[in-house]
């Protein structure tokens, strides 16, 4: 883990669960990362990708985030940044 640094914006703390297949409606075992502000970044139903890194994970964002600053501004609108 690299921790805080230039170009990183902390958006809060998350509740993280291992959600077991067959329990509480899960079709597959997966990680639930629950933090309200995540829906300002990744909309419900929107797909992305996840990769592992030393000490954690990263969630890749779509290319539109880096190509279109207006879209980024719209998504950050009202997002509470810590």
PDB file of N, CA and C in Angstrom:
ATOM      1  N   UNK A   1       0.843  -1.182   0.000  1.00  0.00           N
ATOM      2  CA  UNK A   1       0.000   0.000   0.000  1.00  0.00           C
ATOM      3  C   UNK A   1       0.879   1.232   0.000  1.00  0.00           C
ATOM      4  N   UNK A   2       0.478   2.209  -0.785  1.00  0.00           N
ATOM      5  CA  UNK A   2       1.299   3.409  -0.869  1.00  0.00           C
ATOM      6  C   UNK A   2       0.782   4.541   0.008  1.00  0.00           C
ATOM      7  N   UNK A   3      -0.447   4.455   0.497  1.00  0.00           N
ATOM      8  CA  UNK A   3      -0.981   5.478   1.396  1.00  0.00           C
ATOM      9  C   UNK A   3      -1.264   6.794   0.704  1.00  0.00           C
ATOM     10  N   UNK A   4      -1.436   7.866   1.498  1.00  0.00           N
ATOM     11  CA  UNK A   4      -1.746   9.176   0.929  1.00  0.00           C
ATOM     12  C   UNK A   4      -0.621   9.656   0.013  1.00  0.00           C
ATOM     13  N   UNK A   5      -0.998  10.462  -0.976  1.00  0.00           N
ATOM     14  CA  UNK A   5       0.015  10.996  -1.868  1.00  0.00           C
ATOM     15  C   UNK A   5      -0.585  11.948  -2.878  1.00  0.00           C
ATOM     16  N   UNK A   6       0.285  12.572  -3.653  1.00  0.00           N
ATOM     17  CA  UNK A   6      -0.138  13.505  -4.679  1.00  0.00           C
ATOM     18  C   UNK A   6      -1.077  12.803  -5.657  1.00  0.00           C
ATOM     19  N   UNK A   7      -2.186  13.465  -5.981  1.00  0.00           N
ATOM     20  CA  UNK A   7      -3.138  12.909  -6.922  1.00  0.00           C
ATOM     21  C   UNK A   7      -4.121  11.934  -6.306  1.00  0.00           C
ATOM     22  N   UNK A   8      -4.092  11.755  -4.985  1.00  0.00           N
ATOM     23  CA  UNK A   8      -5.032  10.869  -4.304  1.00  0.00           C
ATOM     24  C   UNK A   8      -5.983  11.706  -3.465  1.00  0.00           C
ATOM     25  N   UNK A   9      -7.261  11.406  -3.554  1.00  0.00           N
ATOM     26  CA  UNK A   9      -8.291  12.112  -2.792  1.00  0.00           C
ATOM     27  C   UNK A   9      -8.998  11.088  -1.927  1.00  0.00           C
ATOM     28  N   UNK A  10      -8.914  11.252  -0.629  1.00  0.00           N
ATOM     29  CA  UNK A  10      -9.580  10.321   0.286  1.00  0.00           C
ATOM     30  C   UNK A  10     -11.070  10.642   0.311  1.00  0.00           C
ATOM     31  N   UNK A  11     -11.906   9.625   0.101  1.00  0.00           N
ATOM     32  CA  UNK A  11     -13.353   9.857   0.064  1.00  0.00           C
ATOM     33  C   UNK A  11     -14.073   9.255   1.260  1.00  0.00           C
ATOM     34  N   UNK A  12     -13.346   8.706   2.205  1.00  0.00           N
ATOM     35  CA  UNK A  12     -13.970   8.199   3.421  1.00  0.00           C
ATOM     36  C   UNK A  12     -13.541   6.789   3.753  1.00  0.00           C
ATOM     37  N   UNK A  13     -14.217   6.230   4.738  1.00  0.00           N
ATOM     38  CA  UNK A  13     -13.953   4.863   5.181  1.00  0.00           C
ATOM     39  C   UNK A  13     -15.107   3.982   4.737  1.00  0.00           C
ATOM     40  N   UNK A  14     -14.798   2.748   4.385  1.00  0.00           N
ATOM     41  CA  UNK A  14     -15.814   1.828   3.878  1.00  0.00           C
ATOM     42  C   UNK A  14     -16.027   0.657   4.827  1.00  0.00           C
ATOM     43  N   UNK A  15     -17.239   0.111   4.808  1.00  0.00           N
ATOM     44  CA  UNK A  15     -17.512  -1.176   5.425  1.00  0.00           C
ATOM     45  C   UNK A  15     -17.279  -2.224   4.349  1.00  0.00           C
ATOM     46  N   UNK A  16     -16.474  -3.230   4.654  1.00  0.00           N
ATOM     47  CA  UNK A  16     -16.114  -4.252   3.668  1.00  0.00           C
ATOM     48  C   UNK A  16     -16.479  -5.618   4.229  1.00  0.00           C
ATOM     49  N   UNK A  17     -17.204  -6.392   3.417  1.00  0.00           N
ATOM     50  CA  UNK A  17     -17.681  -7.706   3.837  1.00  0.00           C
ATOM     51  C   UNK A  17     -17.348  -8.745   2.777  1.00  0.00           C
ATOM     52  N   UNK A  18     -17.105  -9.983   3.218  1.00  0.00           N
ATOM     53  CA  UNK A  18     -17.105 -11.113   2.296  1.00  0.00           C
ATOM     54  C   UNK A  18     -18.541 -11.623   2.304  1.00  0.00           C
ATOM     55  N   UNK A  19     -19.187 -11.559   1.154  1.00  0.00           N
ATOM     56  CA  UNK A  19     -20.592 -11.960   1.016  1.00  0.00           C
ATOM     57  C   UNK A  19     -20.607 -13.370   0.424  1.00  0.00           C
ATOM     58  N   UNK A  20     -21.032 -14.344   1.214  1.00  0.00           N
ATOM     59  CA  UNK A  20     -20.984 -15.743   0.822  1.00  0.00           C
ATOM     60  C   UNK A  20     -22.125 -16.139  -0.107  1.00  0.00           C
ATOM     61  N   UNK A  21     -21.775 -16.925  -1.120  1.00  0.00           N
ATOM     62  CA  UNK A  21     -22.761 -17.437  -2.069  1.00  0.00           C
ATOM     63  C   UNK A  21     -23.876 -18.149  -1.305  1.00  0.00           C
ATOM     64  N   UNK A  22     -25.112 -17.859  -1.711  1.00  0.00           N
ATOM     65  CA  UNK A  22     -26.268 -18.503  -1.105  1.00  0.00           C
ATOM     66  C   UNK A  22     -26.793 -17.824   0.141  1.00  0.00           C
ATOM     67  N   UNK A  23     -26.101 -16.808   0.621  1.00  0.00           N
ATOM     68  CA  UNK A  23     -26.523 -16.070   1.818  1.00  0.00           C
ATOM     69  C   UNK A  23     -26.934 -14.655   1.426  1.00  0.00           C
ATOM     70  N   UNK A  24     -28.055 -14.214   1.971  1.00  0.00           N
ATOM     71  CA  UNK A  24     -28.561 -12.851   1.715  1.00  0.00           C
ATOM     72  C   UNK A  24     -28.660 -12.544   0.224  1.00  0.00           C
ATOM     73  N   UNK A  25     -29.033 -13.537  -0.575  1.00  0.00           N
ATOM     74  CA  UNK A  25     -29.284 -13.323  -2.005  1.00  0.00           C
ATOM     75  C   UNK A  25     -28.061 -13.329  -2.908  1.00  0.00           C
ATOM     76  N   UNK A  26     -26.892 -13.691  -2.406  1.00  0.00           N
ATOM     77  CA  UNK A  26     -25.679 -13.685  -3.242  1.00  0.00           C
ATOM     78  C   UNK A  26     -25.657 -14.892  -4.177  1.00  0.00           C
ATOM     79  N   UNK A  27     -25.452 -14.645  -5.468  1.00  0.00           N
ATOM     80  CA  UNK A  27     -25.318 -15.717  -6.455  1.00  0.00           C
ATOM     81  C   UNK A  27     -23.900 -16.259  -6.528  1.00  0.00           C
ATOM     82  N   UNK A  28     -22.925 -15.439  -6.163  1.00  0.00           N
ATOM     83  CA  UNK A  28     -21.517 -15.834  -6.103  1.00  0.00           C
ATOM     84  C   UNK A  28     -20.906 -15.207  -4.851  1.00  0.00           C
ATOM     85  N   UNK A  29     -19.851 -15.811  -4.333  1.00  0.00           N
ATOM     86  CA  UNK A  29     -19.128 -15.211  -3.219  1.00  0.00           C
ATOM     87  C   UNK A  29     -18.359 -14.002  -3.754  1.00  0.00           C
ATOM     88  N   UNK A  30     -18.441 -12.892  -3.046  1.00  0.00           N
ATOM     89  CA  UNK A  30     -17.818 -11.655  -3.525  1.00  0.00           C
ATOM     90  C   UNK A  30     -17.532 -10.720  -2.348  1.00  0.00           C
ATOM     91  N   UNK A  31     -16.797  -9.661  -2.618  1.00  0.00           N
ATOM     92  CA  UNK A  31     -16.577  -8.611  -1.629  1.00  0.00           C
ATOM     93  C   UNK A  31     -17.634  -7.534  -1.798  1.00  0.00           C
ATOM     94  N   UNK A  32     -18.235  -7.114  -0.710  1.00  0.00           N
ATOM     95  CA  UNK A  32     -19.111  -5.947  -0.697  1.00  0.00           C
ATOM     96  C   UNK A  32     -18.323  -4.807  -0.085  1.00  0.00           C
ATOM     97  N   UNK A  33     -18.154  -3.735  -0.826  1.00  0.00           N
ATOM     98  CA  UNK A  33     -17.509  -2.527  -0.318  1.00  0.00           C
ATOM     99  C   UNK A  33     -18.602  -1.481  -0.250  1.00  0.00           C
ATOM    100  N   UNK A  34     -18.990  -1.128   0.961  1.00  0.00           N
ATOM    101  CA  UNK A  34     -20.130  -0.238   1.148  1.00  0.00           C
ATOM    102  C   UNK A  34     -19.678   1.108   1.692  1.00  0.00           C
ATOM    103  N   UNK A  35     -19.882   2.125   0.866  1.00  0.00           N
ATOM    104  CA  UNK A  35     -19.578   3.507   1.227  1.00  0.00           C
ATOM    105  C   UNK A  35     -20.478   4.372   0.341  1.00  0.00           C
ATOM    106  N   UNK A  36     -21.332   5.204   0.929  1.00  0.00           N
ATOM    107  CA  UNK A  36     -22.309   5.949   0.140  1.00  0.00           C
ATOM    108  C   UNK A  36     -21.710   6.754  -1.013  1.00  0.00           C
ATOM    109  N   UNK A  37     -20.551   7.350  -0.821  1.00  0.00           N
ATOM    110  CA  UNK A  37     -19.987   8.216  -1.859  1.00  0.00           C
ATOM    111  C   UNK A  37     -19.526   7.444  -3.099  1.00  0.00           C
ATOM    112  N   UNK A  38     -19.420   6.123  -3.025  1.00  0.00           N
ATOM    113  CA  UNK A  38     -18.952   5.354  -4.184  1.00  0.00           C
ATOM    114  C   UNK A  38     -19.899   5.513  -5.378  1.00  0.00           C
ATOM    115  N   UNK A  39     -21.191   5.732  -5.110  1.00  0.00           N
ATOM    116  CA  UNK A  39     -22.149   5.872  -6.211  1.00  0.00           C
ATOM    117  C   UNK A  39     -22.030   7.195  -6.957  1.00  0.00           C
ATOM    118  N   UNK A  40     -21.258   8.130  -6.419  1.00  0.00           N
ATOM    119  CA  UNK A  40     -20.938   9.350  -7.169  1.00  0.00           C
ATOM    120  C   UNK A  40     -19.843   9.068  -8.188  1.00  0.00           C
ATOM    121  N   UNK A  41     -19.077   7.998  -7.936  1.00  0.00           N
ATOM    122  CA  UNK A  41     -17.951   7.660  -8.789  1.00  0.00           C
ATOM    123  C   UNK A  41     -18.327   6.558  -9.769  1.00  0.00           C
ATOM    124  N   UNK A  42     -18.922   5.489  -9.251  1.00  0.00           N
ATOM    125  CA  UNK A  42     -19.384   4.366 -10.069  1.00  0.00           C
ATOM    126  C   UNK A  42     -20.885   4.253  -9.855  1.00  0.00           C
ATOM    127  N   UNK A  43     -21.655   4.507 -10.887  1.00  0.00           N
ATOM    128  CA  UNK A  43     -23.114   4.489 -10.795  1.00  0.00           C
ATOM    129  C   UNK A  43     -23.615   3.053 -10.623  1.00  0.00           C
ATOM    130  N   UNK A  44     -24.721   2.851  -9.880  1.00  0.00           N
ATOM    131  CA  UNK A  44     -25.295   1.510  -9.764  1.00  0.00           C
ATOM    132  C   UNK A  44     -25.557   0.916 -11.155  1.00  0.00           C
ATOM    133  N   UNK A  45     -25.143  -0.321 -11.351  1.00  0.00           N
ATOM    134  CA  UNK A  45     -25.306  -0.997 -12.632  1.00  0.00           C
ATOM    135  C   UNK A  45     -24.162  -0.784 -13.603  1.00  0.00           C
ATOM    136  N   UNK A  46     -23.279   0.160 -13.315  1.00  0.00           N
ATOM    137  CA  UNK A  46     -22.138   0.436 -14.185  1.00  0.00           C
ATOM    138  C   UNK A  46     -21.032  -0.574 -13.898  1.00  0.00           C
ATOM    139  N   UNK A  47     -20.353  -1.036 -14.923  1.00  0.00           N
ATOM    140  CA  UNK A  47     -19.287  -2.027 -14.752  1.00  0.00           C
ATOM    141  C   UNK A  47     -17.915  -1.377 -14.799  1.00  0.00           C
ATOM    142  N   UNK A  48     -16.977  -1.989 -14.119  1.00  0.00           N
ATOM    143  CA  UNK A  48     -15.592  -1.544 -14.085  1.00  0.00           C
ATOM    144  C   UNK A  48     -14.717  -2.783 -13.906  1.00  0.00           C
ATOM    145  N   UNK A  49     -13.472  -2.617 -13.547  1.00  0.00           N
ATOM    146  CA  UNK A  49     -12.625  -3.781 -13.299  1.00  0.00           C
ATOM    147  C   UNK A  49     -11.846  -3.579 -12.004  1.00  0.00           C
ATOM    148  N   UNK A  50     -11.415  -4.678 -11.425  1.00  0.00           N
ATOM    149  CA  UNK A  50     -10.683  -4.657 -10.162  1.00  0.00           C
ATOM    150  C   UNK A  50      -9.386  -5.424 -10.347  1.00  0.00           C
ATOM    151  N   UNK A  51      -8.334  -4.916  -9.739  1.00  0.00           N
ATOM    152  CA  UNK A  51      -7.050  -5.606  -9.754  1.00  0.00           C
ATOM    153  C   UNK A  51      -6.442  -5.616  -8.364  1.00  0.00           C
ATOM    154  N   UNK A  52      -5.562  -6.543  -8.143  1.00  0.00           N
ATOM    155  CA  UNK A  52      -4.881  -6.627  -6.855  1.00  0.00           C
ATOM    156  C   UNK A  52      -3.582  -5.830  -6.901  1.00  0.00           C
ATOM    157  N   UNK A  53      -3.234  -5.241  -5.757  1.00  0.00           N
ATOM    158  CA  UNK A  53      -1.941  -4.592  -5.599  1.00  0.00           C
ATOM    159  C   UNK A  53      -1.437  -4.957  -4.219  1.00  0.00           C
ATOM    160  N   UNK A  54      -0.190  -4.712  -3.951  1.00  0.00           N
ATOM    161  CA  UNK A  54       0.398  -5.043  -2.654  1.00  0.00           C
ATOM    162  C   UNK A  54      -0.402  -4.372  -1.544  1.00  0.00           C
ATOM    163  N   UNK A  55      -0.995  -5.166  -0.668  1.00  0.00           N
ATOM    164  CA  UNK A  55      -1.721  -4.633   0.482  1.00  0.00           C
ATOM    165  C   UNK A  55      -3.117  -4.122   0.198  1.00  0.00           C
ATOM    166  N   UNK A  56      -3.654  -4.324  -0.998  1.00  0.00           N
ATOM    167  CA  UNK A  56      -4.988  -3.810  -1.285  1.00  0.00           C
ATOM    168  C   UNK A  56      -5.465  -4.143  -2.680  1.00  0.00           C
ATOM    169  N   UNK A  57      -6.412  -3.372  -3.144  1.00  0.00           N
ATOM    170  CA  UNK A  57      -6.961  -3.522  -4.496  1.00  0.00           C
ATOM    171  C   UNK A  57      -7.074  -2.142  -5.132  1.00  0.00           C
ATOM    172  N   UNK A  58      -7.265  -2.122  -6.440  1.00  0.00           N
ATOM    173  CA  UNK A  58      -7.630  -0.877  -7.115  1.00  0.00           C
ATOM    174  C   UNK A  58      -8.846  -1.177  -7.968  1.00  0.00           C
ATOM    175  N   UNK A  59      -9.664  -0.161  -8.156  1.00  0.00           N
ATOM    176  CA  UNK A  59     -10.841  -0.262  -9.011  1.00  0.00           C
ATOM    177  C   UNK A  59     -10.604   0.670 -10.177  1.00  0.00           C
ATOM    178  N   UNK A  60     -10.498   0.093 -11.360  1.00  0.00           N
ATOM    179  CA  UNK A  60     -10.244   0.895 -12.556  1.00  0.00           C
ATOM    180  C   UNK A  60     -11.486   1.672 -12.955  1.00  0.00           C
ATOM    181  N   UNK A  61     -11.291   2.909 -13.370  1.00  0.00           N
ATOM    182  CA  UNK A  61     -12.391   3.750 -13.836  1.00  0.00           C
ATOM    183  C   UNK A  61     -12.328   3.854 -15.349  1.00  0.00           C
ATOM    184  N   UNK A  62     -13.475   4.098 -15.942  1.00  0.00           N
ATOM    185  CA  UNK A  62     -13.556   4.154 -17.400  1.00  0.00           C
ATOM    186  C   UNK A  62     -12.727   5.291 -17.973  1.00  0.00           C
ATOM    187  N   UNK A  63     -12.295   5.115 -19.213  1.00  0.00           N
ATOM    188  CA  UNK A  63     -11.462   6.119 -19.882  1.00  0.00           C
ATOM    189  C   UNK A  63     -12.123   7.487 -19.921  1.00  0.00           C
ATOM    190  N   UNK A  64     -13.459   7.533 -19.939  1.00  0.00           N
ATOM    191  CA  UNK A  64     -14.164   8.818 -20.025  1.00  0.00           C
ATOM    192  C   UNK A  64     -13.766   9.739 -18.867  1.00  0.00           C
ATOM    193  N   UNK A  65     -13.381   9.166 -17.724  1.00  0.00           N
ATOM    194  CA  UNK A  65     -12.965   9.981 -16.589  1.00  0.00           C
ATOM    195  C   UNK A  65     -11.742  10.810 -16.922  1.00  0.00           C
ATOM    196  N   UNK A  66     -10.803  10.249 -17.641  1.00  0.00           N
ATOM    197  CA  UNK A  66      -9.580  10.994 -17.950  1.00  0.00           C
ATOM    198  C   UNK A  66      -9.717  11.815 -19.224  1.00  0.00           C
ATOM    199  N   UNK A  67     -10.658  11.461 -20.081  1.00  0.00           N
ATOM    200  CA  UNK A  67     -10.836  12.175 -21.352  1.00  0.00           C
ATOM    201  C   UNK A  67     -11.703  13.414 -21.226  1.00  0.00           C
ATOM    202  N   UNK A  68     -12.724  13.365 -20.384  1.00  0.00           N
ATOM    203  CA  UNK A  68     -13.706  14.436 -20.341  1.00  0.00           C
ATOM    204  C   UNK A  68     -13.792  15.054 -18.952  1.00  0.00           C
ATOM    205  N   UNK A  69     -13.069  16.147 -18.710  1.00  0.00           N
ATOM    206  CA  UNK A  69     -13.093  16.792 -17.392  1.00  0.00           C
ATOM    207  C   UNK A  69     -14.498  17.196 -16.941  1.00  0.00           C
ATOM    208  N   UNK A  70     -15.393  17.559 -17.866  1.00  0.00           N
ATOM    209  CA  UNK A  70     -16.744  17.953 -17.473  1.00  0.00           C
ATOM    210  C   UNK A  70     -17.465  16.777 -16.818  1.00  0.00           C
ATOM    211  N   UNK A  71     -17.322  15.578 -17.380  1.00  0.00           N
ATOM    212  CA  UNK A  71     -17.954  14.398 -16.793  1.00  0.00           C
ATOM    213  C   UNK A  71     -17.413  14.148 -15.389  1.00  0.00           C
ATOM    214  N   UNK A  72     -16.119  14.301 -15.205  1.00  0.00           N
ATOM    215  CA  UNK A  72     -15.508  14.126 -13.897  1.00  0.00           C
ATOM    216  C   UNK A  72     -16.087  15.134 -12.911  1.00  0.00           C
ATOM    217  N   UNK A  73     -16.191  16.395 -13.309  1.00  0.00           N
ATOM    218  CA  UNK A  73     -16.732  17.442 -12.445  1.00  0.00           C
ATOM    219  C   UNK A  73     -18.168  17.119 -12.058  1.00  0.00           C
ATOM    220  N   UNK A  74     -18.985  16.660 -13.029  1.00  0.00           N
ATOM    221  CA  UNK A  74     -20.374  16.323 -12.745  1.00  0.00           C
ATOM    222  C   UNK A  74     -20.468  15.197 -11.726  1.00  0.00           C
ATOM    223  N   UNK A  75     -19.613  14.204 -11.844  1.00  0.00           N
ATOM    224  CA  UNK A  75     -19.660  13.079 -10.908  1.00  0.00           C
ATOM    225  C   UNK A  75     -19.188  13.478  -9.518  1.00  0.00           C
ATOM    226  N   UNK A  76     -18.220  14.388  -9.430  1.00  0.00           N
ATOM    227  CA  UNK A  76     -17.708  14.810  -8.126  1.00  0.00           C
ATOM    228  C   UNK A  76     -18.645  15.792  -7.439  1.00  0.00           C
ATOM    229  N   UNK A  77     -19.552  16.411  -8.203  1.00  0.00           N
ATOM    230  CA  UNK A  77     -20.471  17.404  -7.647  1.00  0.00           C
ATOM    231  C   UNK A  77     -21.160  16.847  -6.397  1.00  0.00           C
ATOM    232  N   UNK A  78     -21.008  17.486  -5.288  1.00  0.00           N
ATOM    233  CA  UNK A  78     -21.657  17.067  -4.055  1.00  0.00           C
ATOM    234  C   UNK A  78     -20.974  15.930  -3.331  1.00  0.00           C
ATOM    235  N   UNK A  79     -19.863  15.416  -3.844  1.00  0.00           N
ATOM    236  CA  UNK A  79     -19.153  14.331  -3.186  1.00  0.00           C
ATOM    237  C   UNK A  79     -18.398  14.891  -1.994  1.00  0.00           C
ATOM    238  N   UNK A  80     -18.592  14.298  -0.841  1.00  0.00           N
ATOM    239  CA  UNK A  80     -17.895  14.739   0.364  1.00  0.00           C
ATOM    240  C   UNK A  80     -16.487  14.180   0.344  1.00  0.00           C
ATOM    241  N   UNK A  81     -15.504  15.041   0.301  1.00  0.00           N
ATOM    242  CA  UNK A  81     -14.104  14.643   0.261  1.00  0.00           C
ATOM    243  C   UNK A  81     -13.498  14.888   1.633  1.00  0.00           C
ATOM    244  N   UNK A  82     -12.794  13.909   2.184  1.00  0.00           N
ATOM    245  CA  UNK A  82     -12.202  14.003   3.510  1.00  0.00           C
ATOM    246  C   UNK A  82     -10.766  14.464   3.440  1.00  0.00           C
TER     247      UNK A  82
END
